[in-house]
Protein backbone atom coordinates (compact mmCIF):
# COMPACT_ATOMS: atom_id res chain seq x y z
CA UNK A 1 -0.04 0.03 0.09
CA UNK A 2 1.23 3.46 -0.84
CA UNK A 3 2.29 5.76 1.99
CA UNK A 4 -0.45 8.30 2.69
CA UNK A 5 -0.58 11.71 4.39
CA UNK A 6 -4.02 12.70 5.68
CA UNK A 7 -5.35 16.27 6.18
CA UNK A 8 -8.66 17.28 7.51
CA UNK A 9 -11.84 15.11 8.40
CA UNK A 10 -14.71 13.87 6.37
CA UNK A 11 -17.54 16.19 5.36
CA UNK A 12 -20.44 16.03 2.97
CA UNK A 13 -17.93 16.61 0.11
CA UNK A 14 -16.14 13.60 -1.33
CA UNK A 15 -12.65 13.02 -0.01
CA UNK A 16 -9.76 14.26 -2.32
CA UNK A 17 -6.82 12.16 -3.38
CA UNK A 18 -3.66 14.08 -4.55
CA UNK A 19 -1.09 12.37 -6.83
CA UNK A 20 2.33 13.90 -7.29
CA UNK A 21 4.58 13.98 -10.41
CA UNK A 22 7.90 12.37 -11.14
CA UNK A 23 10.53 12.92 -8.35
CA UNK A 24 7.88 14.34 -6.15
CA UNK A 25 6.19 13.24 -2.94
CA UNK A 26 3.14 13.93 -0.80
CA UNK A 27 5.09 16.63 1.09
CA UNK A 28 5.38 18.74 -2.03
CA UNK A 29 1.59 19.18 -1.76
CA UNK A 30 1.42 19.82 1.87
CA UNK A 31 0.47 23.52 1.86
CA UNK A 32 -2.27 23.09 -0.81
CA UNK A 33 -3.55 19.92 0.79
CA UNK A 34 -3.83 21.59 4.24
CA UNK A 35 -5.75 24.55 2.85
CA UNK A 36 -8.18 22.33 0.87
CA UNK A 37 -8.78 20.22 3.89
CA UNK A 38 -10.81 23.11 5.39
CA UNK A 39 -13.90 21.63 3.60
CA UNK A 40 -13.16 17.91 3.10
CA UNK A 41 -10.74 15.12 3.85
CA UNK A 42 -7.64 15.15 1.70
CA UNK A 43 -5.21 12.34 1.22
CA UNK A 44 -1.83 12.75 -0.47
CA UNK A 45 0.19 9.73 -1.53
CA UNK A 46 3.79 8.97 -2.15
CA UNK A 47 3.76 7.05 -5.46
CA UNK A 48 5.74 3.73 -5.71
CA UNK A 49 9.50 4.30 -5.96
CA UNK A 50 9.04 7.67 -4.29
CA UNK A 51 9.27 8.90 -0.68
CA UNK A 52 8.10 6.47 2.02
CA UNK A 53 6.27 4.16 -0.32
CA UNK A 54 7.46 0.72 -1.24
CA UNK A 55 10.20 0.46 -3.97
CA UNK A 56 9.23 -1.95 -6.81
CA UNK A 57 10.74 -3.41 -9.89
CA UNK A 58 8.26 -1.81 -12.29
CA UNK A 59 6.94 1.67 -12.87
CA UNK A 60 4.30 1.60 -15.55
CA UNK A 61 0.92 3.31 -15.64
CA UNK A 62 -1.11 0.14 -15.26
CA UNK A 63 0.79 -0.51 -11.95
CA UNK A 64 0.53 3.07 -10.77
CA UNK A 65 -3.22 3.12 -11.45
CA UNK A 66 -3.60 -0.11 -9.56
CA UNK A 67 -1.79 1.32 -6.58
CA UNK A 68 -4.24 4.32 -6.57
CA UNK A 69 -7.17 2.05 -6.88
CA UNK A 70 -6.00 0.08 -3.73
CA UNK A 71 -5.81 3.36 -1.86
CA UNK A 72 -9.37 4.47 -2.76
CA UNK A 73 -10.79 1.08 -1.96
CA UNK A 74 -9.02 1.15 1.37
CA UNK A 75 -10.53 4.67 2.04
CA UNK A 76 -13.97 3.23 1.59
CA UNK A 77 -15.55 5.40 -1.04
CA UNK A 78 -14.96 6.99 -4.46
CA UNK A 79 -12.83 10.10 -4.41
CA UNK A 80 -12.11 13.23 -6.36
CA UNK A 81 -8.63 12.90 -7.86
CA UNK A 82 -5.85 15.48 -8.70
CA UNK A 83 -2.78 14.22 -10.50
CA UNK A 84 0.05 16.33 -11.71
CA UNK A 85 2.40 15.26 -14.64
CA UNK A 86 3.27 11.59 -14.05
CA UNK A 87 0.56 11.51 -11.35
CA UNK A 88 -1.87 13.02 -13.92
CA UNK A 89 -1.30 10.11 -16.32
CA UNK A 90 -1.67 7.63 -13.53
CA UNK A 91 -4.95 9.33 -12.47
CA UNK A 92 -6.22 9.31 -16.06
CA UNK A 93 -5.53 5.53 -16.41
CA UNK A 94 -7.25 5.06 -13.07
CA UNK A 95 -10.31 6.81 -14.28
CA UNK A 96 -10.34 4.93 -17.59
CA UNK A 97 -9.95 1.54 -15.90
CA UNK A 98 -11.83 1.96 -12.62
CA UNK A 99 -14.29 4.76 -13.24
CA UNK A 100 -16.35 3.75 -10.31
CA UNK A 101 -13.66 4.94 -7.99
CA UNK A 102 -13.36 8.52 -9.34
CA UNK A 103 -15.97 11.24 -8.92
CA UNK A 104 -14.21 14.22 -10.47
CA UNK A 105 -10.71 14.26 -12.07
CA UNK A 106 -8.22 17.12 -12.28
CA UNK A 107 -5.26 16.58 -14.62
CA UNK A 108 -2.53 19.08 -14.07
CA UNK A 109 -0.33 20.08 -17.02
CA UNK A 110 -0.12 16.67 -18.85
CA UNK A 111 -1.97 15.09 -21.71
CA UNK A 112 -2.68 11.48 -22.60
CA UNK A 113 0.26 11.32 -25.14
CA UNK A 114 3.80 10.17 -25.27
CA UNK A 115 6.43 12.86 -24.94
CA UNK A 116 9.79 12.90 -26.62
CA UNK A 117 11.67 14.44 -23.82
CA UNK A 118 13.34 12.51 -20.98
CA UNK A 119 14.07 13.43 -17.34
CA UNK A 120 17.01 11.07 -17.07
CA UNK A 121 19.46 14.01 -16.96
CA UNK A 122 18.23 14.68 -13.32
CA UNK A 123 18.75 11.09 -12.33
CA UNK A 124 22.35 11.45 -13.62
CA UNK A 125 22.75 14.69 -11.57
CA UNK A 126 21.35 13.06 -8.42
CA UNK A 127 23.66 10.10 -8.70
CA UNK A 128 26.63 12.53 -9.25
CA UNK A 129 25.86 14.63 -6.17
CA UNK A 130 28.52 13.94 -3.51
CA UNK A 131 26.78 13.20 -0.32
CA UNK A 132 29.67 12.45 1.96
CA UNK A 133 29.69 14.92 4.88
CA UNK A 134 26.44 16.70 3.83
CA UNK A 135 24.66 17.80 6.90
CA UNK A 136 22.24 20.47 5.69
CA UNK A 137 20.07 21.13 2.70
CA UNK A 138 21.96 24.43 2.17
CA UNK A 139 25.19 22.60 1.79
CA UNK A 140 23.52 20.03 -0.45
CA UNK A 141 22.09 22.89 -2.60
CA UNK A 142 25.59 24.48 -2.91
CA UNK A 143 27.06 21.26 -4.13
CA UNK A 144 24.07 20.45 -6.42
CA UNK A 145 24.38 23.86 -8.15
CA UNK A 146 27.30 22.58 -10.11
CA UNK A 147 25.07 19.85 -11.53
CA UNK A 148 21.62 21.49 -11.83
CA UNK A 149 21.56 25.19 -12.68
CA UNK A 150 17.94 25.99 -12.25
CA UNK A 151 17.41 26.81 -8.53
CA UNK A 152 13.74 25.92 -8.60
CA UNK A 153 14.46 22.49 -9.99
CA UNK A 154 17.28 22.05 -7.54
CA UNK A 155 15.09 22.95 -4.61
CA UNK A 156 12.31 20.56 -5.86
CA UNK A 157 14.75 17.63 -6.26
CA UNK A 158 16.37 18.18 -2.88
CA UNK A 159 13.05 17.64 -1.15
CA UNK A 160 13.66 13.98 -1.86
CA UNK A 161 17.06 13.88 -0.21
CA UNK A 162 16.93 12.25 3.21
CA UNK A 163 19.46 14.07 5.37
CA UNK A 164 18.48 11.99 8.48
CA UNK A 165 19.85 8.82 6.97
CA UNK A 166 23.41 7.91 7.48
CA UNK A 167 24.79 8.44 4.94
CA UNK A 168 22.17 10.82 3.34
CA UNK A 169 20.26 9.15 0.48
CA UNK A 170 17.69 9.89 -2.19
CA UNK A 171 14.11 8.65 -1.35
CA UNK A 172 13.84 7.68 -5.06
CA UNK A 173 14.35 4.34 -6.68
CA UNK A 174 16.71 5.91 -9.23
CA UNK A 175 17.59 2.60 -10.99
CA UNK A 176 13.99 1.66 -11.68
CA UNK A 177 12.91 5.26 -12.66
CA UNK A 178 15.72 5.43 -15.08
CA UNK A 179 14.95 2.03 -16.59
CA UNK A 180 11.24 2.88 -16.90
CA UNK A 181 11.74 6.47 -18.23
CA UNK A 182 10.22 5.53 -21.59
CA UNK A 183 7.17 4.25 -19.87
CA UNK A 184 6.88 7.28 -17.69
CA UNK A 185 7.14 9.88 -20.55
CA UNK A 186 5.11 7.61 -22.74
CA UNK A 187 1.33 6.84 -22.72
CA UNK A 188 -0.20 3.27 -22.62
CA UNK A 189 -2.21 3.10 -25.77
CA UNK A 190 -5.09 0.60 -25.06
CA UNK A 191 -8.04 -0.07 -27.25
CA UNK A 192 -9.97 -1.49 -24.28
CA UNK A 193 -10.26 1.94 -22.59
CA UNK A 194 -13.79 3.14 -22.40
CA UNK A 195 -14.19 6.93 -22.19
CA UNK A 196 -14.48 8.33 -18.63
CA UNK A 197 -17.71 10.33 -18.61
CA UNK A 198 -17.14 12.05 -15.20
CA UNK A 199 -16.41 15.67 -14.78
CA UNK A 200 -12.78 16.33 -15.79
CA UNK A 201 -10.55 19.45 -15.74
CA UNK A 202 -7.39 19.67 -17.66
CA UNK A 203 -5.55 22.54 -15.99
CA UNK A 204 -2.39 23.80 -17.67
CA UNK A 205 0.30 26.35 -17.12
CA UNK A 206 -0.01 29.20 -19.44
CA UNK A 207 3.70 29.20 -20.13
CA UNK A 208 3.84 25.40 -20.47
CA UNK A 209 3.80 23.43 -23.76
CA UNK A 210 2.77 20.10 -22.25
CA UNK A 211 -0.86 20.34 -23.32
CA UNK A 212 -1.18 21.75 -26.80
CA UNK A 213 -4.04 22.33 -29.21
CA UNK A 214 -3.26 19.19 -31.14
CA UNK A 215 -3.74 17.10 -27.99
CA UNK A 216 -7.41 18.18 -27.59
CA UNK A 217 -8.97 15.65 -30.00
CA UNK A 218 -7.34 12.75 -28.04
CA UNK A 219 -8.39 14.26 -24.80
CA UNK A 220 -11.95 14.62 -25.94
CA UNK A 221 -12.06 11.13 -27.14
CA UNK A 222 -11.13 9.69 -23.79
CA UNK A 223 -12.72 12.39 -21.54
CA UNK A 224 -15.73 13.71 -23.47
CA UNK A 225 -16.81 15.90 -20.47
CA UNK A 226 -13.41 17.55 -20.15
CA UNK A 227 -12.96 21.24 -19.58
CA UNK A 228 -9.73 23.13 -20.47
CA UNK A 229 -8.17 25.89 -18.47
CA UNK A 230 -4.84 27.63 -18.20
CA UNK A 231 -3.12 29.50 -15.31
CA UNK A 232 -1.44 32.61 -16.80
CA UNK A 233 2.12 33.10 -15.86
CA UNK A 234 2.64 29.44 -14.73
CA UNK A 235 4.83 26.77 -16.18
CA UNK A 236 4.77 22.95 -15.80
CA UNK A 237 4.97 23.15 -11.92
CA UNK A 238 1.82 25.37 -11.84
CA UNK A 239 0.81 24.23 -8.34
CA UNK A 240 4.07 25.47 -6.99
CA UNK A 241 4.47 28.65 -9.18
CA UNK A 242 0.84 29.80 -8.72
CA UNK A 243 -0.48 27.99 -5.53
CA UNK A 244 -3.25 30.45 -4.71
CA UNK A 245 -4.56 30.56 -8.27
CA UNK A 246 -4.25 26.78 -8.61
CA UNK A 247 -6.17 26.28 -5.34
CA UNK A 248 -8.88 28.80 -6.32
CA UNK A 249 -9.45 26.99 -9.61
CA UNK A 250 -9.68 23.60 -7.96
CA UNK A 251 -12.24 24.89 -5.46
CA UNK A 252 -14.47 26.27 -8.26
CA UNK A 253 -14.24 23.02 -10.07
CA UNK A 254 -14.43 20.53 -7.16
CA UNK A 255 -16.97 22.21 -4.98
């Protein structure tokens, strides 16, 4: 079972499941989850091979969707689901294969398509970071700056560095994530998918190119009741770059 972080208590509104993206964790969503829990129960998960969840030998979307299904079944009722990037693809496959478990679906800055880019360069950088003698995140950030130039990406990745371990280590199954990178950036084409008819929001960053106009016919085919929205001034990590705008949009759609 995936590691879960709970916020708030049950109300008349359906509980909310938050699914992070590649190299992320439930803790990345802590502030938004806590604020949204003022009106409903919120559960954020660490996906397999991330954070405190079990490490596994595979990392494909069928497995990730099954992991989420197990969480929802254990929670005892269908949930609203938010998924970002890799988590958005896992949430889409969940909705397409187990629609009875999903009330409303929010897909954050990702489309049901295969992408040509890879994130393996960050795995290479994480492996190359010298961890001997690192005792603080500030020191780790200084060393990491020689490997990853973007400070926002560095800060995001370093949230998965466990400094309490001896020696410090990444809370990521880097070997499996690297081996499964084509599956992670891809999309599992499956003729058996039946369209998910539930309310669905594809929320994208205005400055991101992950969800493009040419993706819309494929989105509509799988999610006929999908709405499209953009957050101006936000990129791929829209929930971190524009958290208040992201939260407000979620409330309008989910409530």
